[in-house]
Amino acid sequence: MTKLKVLLTGGGGMVGRNILEHSAIDEFDILAPRSAELDLRNFDAIKTYLDKYRPNFVIHAAGKVGGIQANMREPVGFLLENLDMGRNIVWASRQAGIKKFINLGSSCMYPRGHEEPLKEEMILKGELEPTNEGYALAKVLTAKLCEYVTREDASYQYKTLIPCNLYGRHDKFDPKHSHLLPAIIHKVHQAKKNNEKTVEIWGDGTARREFMYSGDLADAVIESINQFDSLPYYMNIGLGHDYTINEYYQTVAEVMNFQGTFIHDLTKPVGMARKLVNVNRQISWGWTAKHDLTAGINKTYEFYLKEYM
């Protein structure tokens, strides 16, 4: 039987690499060009690539990503690069006649200031978090373009998965570019290595975040390909529960056996007070994450020690 030919963008990023490492990936004929081979900011280059290789299915996992520091420092880049990549791959796929498309969004697409779990229908229902607004706007516009493509012609099924915050193998650990959890792993490891007695936490540590192991998102993506027809047009992918920043630091310390203490810098920005996705739609569809926090941090720390030390 002929394998489904799938184009995966962002194959060199954390999400893409975890998808390529999935145990079921060999069931598909995967095209995973790096940016040197296919620049997603170049619309004509994408059209030429699609005409040459003729994939049946596209997974858009590419993006310029980073934590609070990077988003605050480079808002122009986070808006323009993500917007260009998203617009180009969606519209080029539509012009190439590709009927099935999975776009990976972000929980940053949701409005700020909500204590309750964020439902898919809340997109564009409020002000975005200012610290990563550019990135969020690009993700919203790409998701809406997918929606419009399907609205105009239902034979084109372009759907968006909205993951919660992620961490895991192939993550970025440099605090200048990383998200919260890999930055914590790096900071606590360096403190232990250098025999430091304290580690600084931005804010009071009571803000809550939902972080899922990236291998679980890869599993959800594979399941989405296999069960594409029943996949909702918008669906959160997450845990359905969250932890405080302090709890993430404490769990990392336990995994590493770090014996020091934590101090809080109340002058630093912390972003949204809470960002938890509602997973009712995901559960009804039939998928749940496999890793708990300790198991995910253990696997991530093993990768960090092997690749960064």
C-alpha atoms as a PDB file:
ATOM      1  CA  MET A   1       0.000   0.000   0.000  1.00  0.00           C
ATOM      2  CA  THR A   2       1.296   3.467  -0.897  1.00  0.00           C
ATOM      3  CA  LYS A   3       2.255   5.532   2.122  1.00  0.00           C
ATOM      4  CA  LEU A   4       0.677   8.923   2.747  1.00  0.00           C
ATOM      5  CA  LYS A   5       3.177  11.598   1.690  1.00  0.00           C
ATOM      6  CA  VAL A   6       3.364  14.211   4.449  1.00  0.00           C
ATOM      7  CA  LEU A   7       5.211  17.527   4.357  1.00  0.00           C
ATOM      8  CA  LEU A   8       6.361  18.539   7.849  1.00  0.00           C
ATOM      9  CA  THR A   9       7.563  22.124   8.229  1.00  0.00           C
ATOM     10  CA  GLY A  10       9.843  22.916  11.146  1.00  0.00           C
ATOM     11  CA  GLY A  11      11.483  19.492  11.103  1.00  0.00           C
ATOM     12  CA  GLY A  12      14.579  20.973  12.734  1.00  0.00           C
ATOM     13  CA  GLY A  13      12.701  22.506  15.681  1.00  0.00           C
ATOM     14  CA  MET A  14      11.717  20.923  18.963  1.00  0.00           C
ATOM     15  CA  VAL A  15       8.208  19.903  17.876  1.00  0.00           C
ATOM     16  CA  GLY A  16       9.346  18.726  14.448  1.00  0.00           C
ATOM     17  CA  ARG A  17      12.178  16.614  15.829  1.00  0.00           C
ATOM     18  CA  ASN A  18       9.869  14.976  18.344  1.00  0.00           C
ATOM     19  CA  ILE A  19       7.429  14.140  15.547  1.00  0.00           C
ATOM     20  CA  LEU A  20      10.264  12.631  13.503  1.00  0.00           C
ATOM     21  CA  GLU A  21      11.310  10.540  16.543  1.00  0.00           C
ATOM     22  CA  HIS A  22       7.818   9.108  17.063  1.00  0.00           C
ATOM     23  CA  SER A  23       7.641   5.325  16.928  1.00  0.00           C
ATOM     24  CA  ALA A  24       4.940   5.397  14.222  1.00  0.00           C
ATOM     25  CA  ILE A  25       6.609   7.909  11.883  1.00  0.00           C
ATOM     26  CA  ASP A  26       7.704   5.189   9.432  1.00  0.00           C
ATOM     27  CA  GLU A  27       4.057   4.619   8.533  1.00  0.00           C
ATOM     28  CA  PHE A  28       4.292   7.801   6.426  1.00  0.00           C
ATOM     29  CA  ASP A  29       6.462   9.079   3.599  1.00  0.00           C
ATOM     30  CA  ILE A  30       7.806  12.154   5.383  1.00  0.00           C
ATOM     31  CA  LEU A  31       9.245  15.248   3.714  1.00  0.00           C
ATOM     32  CA  ALA A  32      10.988  17.383   6.352  1.00  0.00           C
ATOM     33  CA  PRO A  33      13.119  20.017   4.603  1.00  0.00           C
ATOM     34  CA  ARG A  34      15.235  22.307   6.764  1.00  0.00           C
ATOM     35  CA  SER A  35      15.147  26.066   6.153  1.00  0.00           C
ATOM     36  CA  ALA A  36      18.256  25.896   3.957  1.00  0.00           C
ATOM     37  CA  GLU A  37      16.309  23.665   1.564  1.00  0.00           C
ATOM     38  CA  LEU A  38      12.928  25.386   1.861  1.00  0.00           C
ATOM     39  CA  ASP A  39      12.633  28.969   3.113  1.00  0.00           C
ATOM     40  CA  LEU A  40       9.020  29.344   4.268  1.00  0.00           C
ATOM     41  CA  ARG A  41       9.340  33.119   4.062  1.00  0.00           C
ATOM     42  CA  ASN A  42       9.608  32.737   0.260  1.00  0.00           C
ATOM     43  CA  PHE A  43       6.192  32.042  -1.274  1.00  0.00           C
ATOM     44  CA  ASP A  44       7.529  31.171  -4.729  1.00  0.00           C
ATOM     45  CA  ALA A  45      10.017  28.719  -3.215  1.00  0.00           C
ATOM     46  CA  ILE A  46       7.171  26.905  -1.425  1.00  0.00           C
ATOM     47  CA  LYS A  47       5.098  26.708  -4.623  1.00  0.00           C
ATOM     48  CA  THR A  48       8.057  25.233  -6.503  1.00  0.00           C
ATOM     49  CA  TYR A  49       8.692  22.699  -3.739  1.00  0.00           C
ATOM     50  CA  LEU A  50       5.044  21.584  -3.579  1.00  0.00           C
ATOM     51  CA  ASP A  51       4.847  21.241  -7.361  1.00  0.00           C
ATOM     52  CA  LYS A  52       7.994  19.085  -7.339  1.00  0.00           C
ATOM     53  CA  TYR A  53       7.204  16.723  -4.440  1.00  0.00           C
ATOM     54  CA  ARG A  54       3.354  16.712  -4.457  1.00  0.00           C
ATOM     55  CA  PRO A  55       2.627  15.901  -0.787  1.00  0.00           C
ATOM     56  CA  ASN A  56      -0.875  14.704   0.146  1.00  0.00           C
ATOM     57  CA  PHE A  57      -0.838  16.268   3.593  1.00  0.00           C
ATOM     58  CA  VAL A  58       0.881  19.214   5.322  1.00  0.00           C
ATOM     59  CA  ILE A  59       1.748  19.653   9.000  1.00  0.00           C
ATOM     60  CA  HIS A  60       2.862  23.210   9.735  1.00  0.00           C
ATOM     61  CA  ALA A  61       5.080  23.061  12.828  1.00  0.00           C
ATOM     62  CA  ALA A  62       7.650  25.703  11.856  1.00  0.00           C
ATOM     63  CA  GLY A  63       7.955  28.995  13.668  1.00  0.00           C
ATOM     64  CA  LYS A  64      10.157  31.550  15.334  1.00  0.00           C
ATOM     65  CA  VAL A  65       9.722  30.714  19.022  1.00  0.00           C
ATOM     66  CA  GLY A  66      11.075  31.956  22.342  1.00  0.00           C
ATOM     67  CA  GLY A  67      10.232  32.904  25.895  1.00  0.00           C
ATOM     68  CA  ILE A  68       9.251  36.219  27.467  1.00  0.00           C
ATOM     69  CA  GLN A  69      12.694  37.787  27.127  1.00  0.00           C
ATOM     70  CA  ALA A  70      13.003  36.978  23.414  1.00  0.00           C
ATOM     71  CA  ASN A  71       9.440  38.061  22.600  1.00  0.00           C
ATOM     72  CA  MET A  72       9.876  41.382  24.400  1.00  0.00           C
ATOM     73  CA  ARG A  73      13.237  41.995  22.734  1.00  0.00           C
ATOM     74  CA  GLU A  74      12.219  41.103  19.144  1.00  0.00           C
ATOM     75  CA  PRO A  75       8.475  41.734  18.620  1.00  0.00           C
ATOM     76  CA  VAL A  76       8.936  42.665  14.941  1.00  0.00           C
ATOM     77  CA  GLY A  77      10.650  39.387  14.119  1.00  0.00           C
ATOM     78  CA  PHE A  78       8.146  37.272  16.047  1.00  0.00           C
ATOM     79  CA  LEU A  79       5.251  38.915  14.193  1.00  0.00           C
ATOM     80  CA  LEU A  80       6.659  39.093  10.675  1.00  0.00           C
ATOM     81  CA  GLU A  81       8.480  35.765  10.466  1.00  0.00           C
ATOM     82  CA  ASN A  82       5.607  33.737  11.889  1.00  0.00           C
ATOM     83  CA  LEU A  83       3.062  35.599   9.807  1.00  0.00           C
ATOM     84  CA  ASP A  84       5.052  35.147   6.584  1.00  0.00           C
ATOM     85  CA  MET A  85       5.666  31.455   7.215  1.00  0.00           C
ATOM     86  CA  GLY A  86       2.055  30.739   8.142  1.00  0.00           C
ATOM     87  CA  ARG A  87       0.461  32.695   5.333  1.00  0.00           C
ATOM     88  CA  ASN A  88       2.829  31.321   2.715  1.00  0.00           C
ATOM     89  CA  ILE A  89       2.533  27.619   3.547  1.00  0.00           C
ATOM     90  CA  VAL A  90      -1.255  27.730   3.937  1.00  0.00           C
ATOM     91  CA  TRP A  91      -1.920  29.633   0.732  1.00  0.00           C
ATOM     92  CA  ALA A  92       0.669  27.751  -1.322  1.00  0.00           C
ATOM     93  CA  SER A  93      -0.845  24.460  -0.126  1.00  0.00           C
ATOM     94  CA  ARG A  94      -4.302  25.657  -1.160  1.00  0.00           C
ATOM     95  CA  GLN A  95      -3.046  26.664  -4.598  1.00  0.00           C
ATOM     96  CA  ALA A  96      -1.286  23.308  -4.978  1.00  0.00           C
ATOM     97  CA  GLY A  97      -4.565  21.486  -4.334  1.00  0.00           C
ATOM     98  CA  ILE A  98      -3.511  19.888  -1.031  1.00  0.00           C
ATOM     99  CA  LYS A  99      -6.740  18.900   0.687  1.00  0.00           C
ATOM    100  CA  LYS A 100      -5.544  18.076   4.222  1.00  0.00           C
ATOM    101  CA  PHE A 101      -3.592  20.472   6.434  1.00  0.00           C
ATOM    102  CA  ILE A 102      -2.803  20.557  10.159  1.00  0.00           C
ATOM    103  CA  ASN A 103      -1.659  23.911  11.500  1.00  0.00           C
ATOM    104  CA  LEU A 104      -0.027  24.080  14.926  1.00  0.00           C
ATOM    105  CA  GLY A 105      -1.167  27.156  16.784  1.00  0.00           C
ATOM    106  CA  SER A 106      -0.344  28.249  20.331  1.00  0.00           C
ATOM    107  CA  SER A 107      -2.187  28.922  23.564  1.00  0.00           C
ATOM    108  CA  CYS A 108      -0.746  32.448  23.226  1.00  0.00           C
ATOM    109  CA  MET A 109      -3.639  32.956  20.785  1.00  0.00           C
ATOM    110  CA  TYR A 110      -6.054  33.226  23.711  1.00  0.00           C
ATOM    111  CA  PRO A 111      -6.959  36.468  25.496  1.00  0.00           C
ATOM    112  CA  ARG A 112      -5.186  37.359  28.718  1.00  0.00           C
ATOM    113  CA  GLY A 113      -6.634  37.575  32.187  1.00  0.00           C
ATOM    114  CA  HIS A 114      -8.805  34.453  32.289  1.00  0.00           C
ATOM    115  CA  GLU A 115      -8.672  32.230  35.354  1.00  0.00           C
ATOM    116  CA  GLU A 116     -10.902  29.544  33.863  1.00  0.00           C
ATOM    117  CA  PRO A 117      -9.577  26.991  31.320  1.00  0.00           C
ATOM    118  CA  LEU A 118      -9.390  28.472  27.831  1.00  0.00           C
ATOM    119  CA  LYS A 119     -11.903  27.104  25.313  1.00  0.00           C
ATOM    120  CA  GLU A 120     -11.327  27.062  21.558  1.00  0.00           C
ATOM    121  CA  GLU A 121     -14.194  29.482  20.899  1.00  0.00           C
ATOM    122  CA  MET A 122     -12.457  32.181  23.003  1.00  0.00           C
ATOM    123  CA  ILE A 123      -9.975  33.084  20.240  1.00  0.00           C
ATOM    124  CA  LEU A 124     -10.341  36.814  19.373  1.00  0.00           C
ATOM    125  CA  LYS A 125     -12.599  37.357  22.384  1.00  0.00           C
ATOM    126  CA  GLY A 126     -10.229  39.678  24.265  1.00  0.00           C
ATOM    127  CA  GLU A 127      -6.885  41.471  24.565  1.00  0.00           C
ATOM    128  CA  LEU A 128      -3.762  39.397  23.975  1.00  0.00           C
ATOM    129  CA  GLU A 129      -0.885  39.157  26.460  1.00  0.00           C
ATOM    130  CA  PRO A 130       1.419  42.133  25.613  1.00  0.00           C
ATOM    131  CA  THR A 131       4.677  40.267  26.311  1.00  0.00           C
ATOM    132  CA  ASN A 132       4.157  37.981  23.276  1.00  0.00           C
ATOM    133  CA  GLU A 133       1.508  39.822  21.303  1.00  0.00           C
ATOM    134  CA  GLY A 134       3.378  39.774  17.978  1.00  0.00           C
ATOM    135  CA  TYR A 135       3.800  36.003  18.017  1.00  0.00           C
ATOM    136  CA  ALA A 136       0.182  35.527  19.083  1.00  0.00           C
ATOM    137  CA  LEU A 137      -1.180  37.773  16.321  1.00  0.00           C
ATOM    138  CA  ALA A 138       0.711  35.794  13.688  1.00  0.00           C
ATOM    139  CA  LYS A 139      -0.636  32.522  15.066  1.00  0.00           C
ATOM    140  CA  VAL A 140      -4.221  33.839  15.148  1.00  0.00           C
ATOM    141  CA  LEU A 141      -4.036  35.067  11.556  1.00  0.00           C
ATOM    142  CA  THR A 142      -2.636  31.754  10.294  1.00  0.00           C
ATOM    143  CA  ALA A 143      -5.380  29.827  12.073  1.00  0.00           C
ATOM    144  CA  LYS A 144      -8.065  32.127  10.665  1.00  0.00           C
ATOM    145  CA  LEU A 145      -6.641  31.725   7.156  1.00  0.00           C
ATOM    146  CA  CYS A 146      -6.974  27.944   7.563  1.00  0.00           C
ATOM    147  CA  GLU A 147     -10.581  28.458   8.691  1.00  0.00           C
ATOM    148  CA  TYR A 148     -11.336  30.699   5.702  1.00  0.00           C
ATOM    149  CA  VAL A 149      -9.850  28.225   3.213  1.00  0.00           C
ATOM    150  CA  THR A 150     -12.213  25.523   4.492  1.00  0.00           C
ATOM    151  CA  ARG A 151     -15.147  27.947   4.652  1.00  0.00           C
ATOM    152  CA  GLU A 152     -14.753  28.828   0.972  1.00  0.00           C
ATOM    153  CA  ASP A 153     -14.380  25.203  -0.177  1.00  0.00           C
ATOM    154  CA  ALA A 154     -15.170  22.375   2.251  1.00  0.00           C
ATOM    155  CA  SER A 155     -13.183  19.879   0.183  1.00  0.00           C
ATOM    156  CA  TYR A 156     -10.111  21.582   1.700  1.00  0.00           C
ATOM    157  CA  GLN A 157      -9.915  20.522   5.327  1.00  0.00           C
ATOM    158  CA  TYR A 158      -7.465  22.879   7.078  1.00  0.00           C
ATOM    159  CA  LYS A 159      -7.462  22.371  10.843  1.00  0.00           C
ATOM    160  CA  THR A 160      -5.597  23.887  13.807  1.00  0.00           C
ATOM    161  CA  LEU A 161      -4.244  22.178  16.902  1.00  0.00           C
ATOM    162  CA  ILE A 162      -3.571  24.563  19.806  1.00  0.00           C
ATOM    163  CA  PRO A 163      -0.921  23.133  22.145  1.00  0.00           C
ATOM    164  CA  CYS A 164      -0.331  24.394  25.643  1.00  0.00           C
ATOM    165  CA  ASN A 165       3.226  25.365  26.608  1.00  0.00           C
ATOM    166  CA  LEU A 166       5.761  22.705  25.676  1.00  0.00           C
ATOM    167  CA  TYR A 167       9.130  21.432  26.852  1.00  0.00           C
ATOM    168  CA  GLY A 168      11.222  18.379  26.099  1.00  0.00           C
ATOM    169  CA  ARG A 169      13.942  16.857  23.985  1.00  0.00           C
ATOM    170  CA  HIS A 170      15.523  19.248  21.448  1.00  0.00           C
ATOM    171  CA  ASP A 171      14.389  22.268  23.444  1.00  0.00           C
ATOM    172  CA  LYS A 172      16.257  25.581  23.675  1.00  0.00           C
ATOM    173  CA  PHE A 173      17.907  25.881  27.093  1.00  0.00           C
ATOM    174  CA  ASP A 174      19.659  29.265  26.823  1.00  0.00           C
ATOM    175  CA  PRO A 175      17.572  31.692  28.942  1.00  0.00           C
ATOM    176  CA  LYS A 176      17.943  34.354  26.220  1.00  0.00           C
ATOM    177  CA  HIS A 177      15.814  32.229  23.876  1.00  0.00           C
ATOM    178  CA  SER A 178      14.105  29.578  25.983  1.00  0.00           C
ATOM    179  CA  HIS A 179      10.675  29.130  27.483  1.00  0.00           C
ATOM    180  CA  LEU A 180      10.167  28.842  31.225  1.00  0.00           C
ATOM    181  CA  LEU A 181      10.775  25.160  31.922  1.00  0.00           C
ATOM    182  CA  PRO A 182      13.972  24.593  29.882  1.00  0.00           C
ATOM    183  CA  ALA A 183      15.299  27.860  31.342  1.00  0.00           C
ATOM    184  CA  ILE A 184      14.610  26.495  34.833  1.00  0.00           C
ATOM    185  CA  ILE A 185      16.442  23.258  34.002  1.00  0.00           C
ATOM    186  CA  HIS A 186      19.449  25.238  32.792  1.00  0.00           C
ATOM    187  CA  LYS A 187      19.461  27.642  35.744  1.00  0.00           C
ATOM    188  CA  VAL A 188      19.149  24.966  38.407  1.00  0.00           C
ATOM    189  CA  HIS A 189      21.741  22.735  36.762  1.00  0.00           C
ATOM    190  CA  GLN A 190      24.230  25.630  36.565  1.00  0.00           C
ATOM    191  CA  ALA A 191      23.567  26.502  40.199  1.00  0.00           C
ATOM    192  CA  LYS A 192      24.203  22.914  41.285  1.00  0.00           C
ATOM    193  CA  LYS A 193      27.304  22.655  39.098  1.00  0.00           C
ATOM    194  CA  ASN A 194      28.744  25.885  40.526  1.00  0.00           C
ATOM    195  CA  ASN A 195      27.766  25.055  44.133  1.00  0.00           C
ATOM    196  CA  GLU A 196      25.517  28.108  44.327  1.00  0.00           C
ATOM    197  CA  LYS A 197      23.124  28.216  47.268  1.00  0.00           C
ATOM    198  CA  THR A 198      20.310  30.197  45.651  1.00  0.00           C
ATOM    199  CA  VAL A 199      18.436  30.419  42.334  1.00  0.00           C
ATOM    200  CA  GLU A 200      16.411  33.493  41.329  1.00  0.00           C
ATOM    201  CA  ILE A 201      12.753  33.240  40.317  1.00  0.00           C
ATOM    202  CA  TRP A 202      11.079  36.065  38.378  1.00  0.00           C
ATOM    203  CA  GLY A 203       8.071  37.382  40.298  1.00  0.00           C
ATOM    204  CA  ASP A 204       6.602  35.699  43.358  1.00  0.00           C
ATOM    205  CA  GLY A 205       6.308  32.319  41.634  1.00  0.00           C
ATOM    206  CA  THR A 206       2.542  32.008  42.087  1.00  0.00           C
ATOM    207  CA  ALA A 207       1.661  32.455  38.395  1.00  0.00           C
ATOM    208  CA  ARG A 208       0.386  29.182  36.980  1.00  0.00           C
ATOM    209  CA  ARG A 209       1.446  27.500  33.745  1.00  0.00           C
ATOM    210  CA  GLU A 210       0.540  24.322  31.883  1.00  0.00           C
ATOM    211  CA  PHE A 211       3.579  22.614  30.348  1.00  0.00           C
ATOM    212  CA  MET A 212       3.279  19.386  28.352  1.00  0.00           C
ATOM    213  CA  TYR A 213       6.130  17.112  27.313  1.00  0.00           C
ATOM    214  CA  SER A 214       6.808  17.608  23.590  1.00  0.00           C
ATOM    215  CA  GLY A 215       6.786  13.882  22.895  1.00  0.00           C
ATOM    216  CA  ASP A 216       3.117  13.908  23.861  1.00  0.00           C
ATOM    217  CA  LEU A 217       2.329  16.616  21.306  1.00  0.00           C
ATOM    218  CA  ALA A 218       4.112  14.487  18.689  1.00  0.00           C
ATOM    219  CA  ASP A 219       1.842  11.605  19.641  1.00  0.00           C
ATOM    220  CA  ALA A 220      -1.227  13.837  19.277  1.00  0.00           C
ATOM    221  CA  VAL A 221      -0.068  14.953  15.819  1.00  0.00           C
ATOM    222  CA  ILE A 222       0.407  11.346  14.643  1.00  0.00           C
ATOM    223  CA  GLU A 223      -3.040  10.489  15.970  1.00  0.00           C
ATOM    224  CA  SER A 224      -4.433  13.555  14.175  1.00  0.00           C
ATOM    225  CA  ILE A 225      -3.111  12.293  10.848  1.00  0.00           C
ATOM    226  CA  ASN A 226      -4.585   8.842  11.417  1.00  0.00           C
ATOM    227  CA  GLN A 227      -7.934  10.153  12.656  1.00  0.00           C
ATOM    228  CA  PHE A 228      -8.041  13.306  10.547  1.00  0.00           C
ATOM    229  CA  ASP A 229     -11.674  13.100   9.443  1.00  0.00           C
ATOM    230  CA  SER A 230     -12.950  13.175  13.048  1.00  0.00           C
ATOM    231  CA  LEU A 231     -10.472  15.882  14.136  1.00  0.00           C
ATOM    232  CA  PRO A 232     -12.222  19.169  15.105  1.00  0.00           C
ATOM    233  CA  TYR A 233     -11.284  22.300  13.131  1.00  0.00           C
ATOM    234  CA  TYR A 234      -9.865  23.848  16.316  1.00  0.00           C
ATOM    235  CA  MET A 235      -8.680  21.670  19.192  1.00  0.00           C
ATOM    236  CA  ASN A 236      -6.567  22.323  22.262  1.00  0.00           C
ATOM    237  CA  ILE A 237      -3.819  19.828  23.054  1.00  0.00           C
ATOM    238  CA  GLY A 238      -2.856  19.903  26.704  1.00  0.00           C
ATOM    239  CA  LEU A 239      -2.959  18.358  30.154  1.00  0.00           C
ATOM    240  CA  GLY A 240      -6.031  20.053  31.580  1.00  0.00           C
ATOM    241  CA  HIS A 241      -4.174  20.983  34.769  1.00  0.00           C
ATOM    242  CA  ASP A 242      -1.360  23.364  35.664  1.00  0.00           C
ATOM    243  CA  TYR A 243       1.330  24.129  38.251  1.00  0.00           C
ATOM    244  CA  THR A 244       2.750  27.273  39.834  1.00  0.00           C
ATOM    245  CA  ILE A 245       6.145  28.572  38.730  1.00  0.00           C
ATOM    246  CA  ASN A 246       7.407  27.690  42.211  1.00  0.00           C
ATOM    247  CA  GLU A 247       6.252  24.083  41.739  1.00  0.00           C
ATOM    248  CA  TYR A 248       8.167  23.799  38.468  1.00  0.00           C
ATOM    249  CA  TYR A 249      11.339  25.000  40.184  1.00  0.00           C
ATOM    250  CA  GLN A 250      10.762  22.576  43.052  1.00  0.00           C
ATOM    251  CA  THR A 251      10.192  19.587  40.740  1.00  0.00           C
ATOM    252  CA  VAL A 252      13.304  20.374  38.707  1.00  0.00           C
ATOM    253  CA  ALA A 253      15.293  20.678  41.948  1.00  0.00           C
ATOM    254  CA  GLU A 254      14.005  17.274  43.075  1.00  0.00           C
ATOM    255  CA  VAL A 255      14.938  15.627  39.765  1.00  0.00           C
ATOM    256  CA  MET A 256      18.460  17.105  39.973  1.00  0.00           C
ATOM    257  CA  ASN A 257      18.783  16.735  43.755  1.00  0.00           C
ATOM    258  CA  PHE A 258      19.548  20.455  44.071  1.00  0.00           C
ATOM    259  CA  GLN A 259      19.778  21.340  47.759  1.00  0.00           C
ATOM    260  CA  GLY A 260      19.763  25.147  47.509  1.00  0.00           C
ATOM    261  CA  THR A 261      16.951  27.656  48.019  1.00  0.00           C
ATOM    262  CA  PHE A 262      14.984  29.997  45.776  1.00  0.00           C
ATOM    263  CA  ILE A 263      14.700  33.787  45.979  1.00  0.00           C
ATOM    264  CA  HIS A 264      12.137  35.940  44.206  1.00  0.00           C
ATOM    265  CA  ASP A 265      12.789  39.108  42.154  1.00  0.00           C
ATOM    266  CA  LEU A 266       9.461  40.949  42.317  1.00  0.00           C
ATOM    267  CA  THR A 267      10.620  43.604  39.805  1.00  0.00           C
ATOM    268  CA  LYS A 268      10.694  41.172  36.845  1.00  0.00           C
ATOM    269  CA  PRO A 269       7.738  40.589  34.422  1.00  0.00           C
ATOM    270  CA  VAL A 270       5.895  37.290  34.709  1.00  0.00           C
ATOM    271  CA  GLY A 271       3.342  37.404  31.853  1.00  0.00           C
ATOM    272  CA  MET A 272      -0.175  36.073  32.329  1.00  0.00           C
ATOM    273  CA  ALA A 273      -1.223  35.051  35.849  1.00  0.00           C
ATOM    274  CA  ARG A 274      -2.651  31.803  34.471  1.00  0.00           C
ATOM    275  CA  LYS A 275      -2.909  30.114  31.085  1.00  0.00           C
ATOM    276  CA  LEU A 276      -4.641  26.729  31.158  1.00  0.00           C
ATOM    277  CA  VAL A 277      -6.363  25.178  28.137  1.00  0.00           C
ATOM    278  CA  ASN A 278      -9.691  23.403  28.297  1.00  0.00           C
ATOM    279  CA  VAL A 279      -9.199  19.813  27.054  1.00  0.00           C
ATOM    280  CA  ASN A 280     -12.833  18.673  26.927  1.00  0.00           C
ATOM    281  CA  ARG A 281     -12.812  18.610  23.124  1.00  0.00           C
ATOM    282  CA  GLN A 282      -9.519  16.678  23.098  1.00  0.00           C
ATOM    283  CA  ILE A 283     -10.811  14.112  25.609  1.00  0.00           C
ATOM    284  CA  SER A 284     -14.041  13.653  23.660  1.00  0.00           C
ATOM    285  CA  TRP A 285     -11.951  13.078  20.545  1.00  0.00           C
ATOM    286  CA  GLY A 286     -10.123  10.307  22.433  1.00  0.00           C
ATOM    287  CA  TRP A 287      -6.567  11.453  23.214  1.00  0.00           C
ATOM    288  CA  THR A 288      -4.712  12.227  26.470  1.00  0.00           C
ATOM    289  CA  ALA A 289      -1.062  12.973  27.309  1.00  0.00           C
ATOM    290  CA  LYS A 290       1.114  10.097  28.532  1.00  0.00           C
ATOM    291  CA  HIS A 291       3.831  11.812  30.639  1.00  0.00           C
ATOM    292  CA  ASP A 292       3.433  13.357  34.072  1.00  0.00           C
ATOM    293  CA  LEU A 293       5.622  16.298  35.097  1.00  0.00           C
ATOM    294  CA  THR A 294       8.387  14.322  36.803  1.00  0.00           C
ATOM    295  CA  ALA A 295       8.696  11.811  33.945  1.00  0.00           C
ATOM    296  CA  GLY A 296       8.836  14.582  31.350  1.00  0.00           C
ATOM    297  CA  ILE A 297      11.448  16.585  33.259  1.00  0.00           C
ATOM    298  CA  ASN A 298      13.549  13.441  33.747  1.00  0.00           C
ATOM    299  CA  LYS A 299      13.628  12.739  29.991  1.00  0.00           C
ATOM    300  CA  THR A 300      14.319  16.396  29.212  1.00  0.00           C
ATOM    301  CA  TYR A 301      17.152  16.601  31.738  1.00  0.00           C
ATOM    302  CA  GLU A 302      18.707  13.408  30.327  1.00  0.00           C
ATOM    303  CA  PHE A 303      18.685  15.053  26.894  1.00  0.00           C
ATOM    304  CA  TYR A 304      20.149  18.281  28.328  1.00  0.00           C
ATOM    305  CA  LEU A 305      23.013  16.413  29.989  1.00  0.00           C
ATOM    306  CA  LYS A 306      23.789  14.461  26.836  1.00  0.00           C
ATOM    307  CA  GLU A 307      23.532  17.280  24.289  1.00  0.00           C
ATOM    308  CA  TYR A 308      24.542  20.413  26.210  1.00  0.00           C
ATOM    309  CA  MET A 309      27.139  19.278  28.718  1.00  0.00           C
END
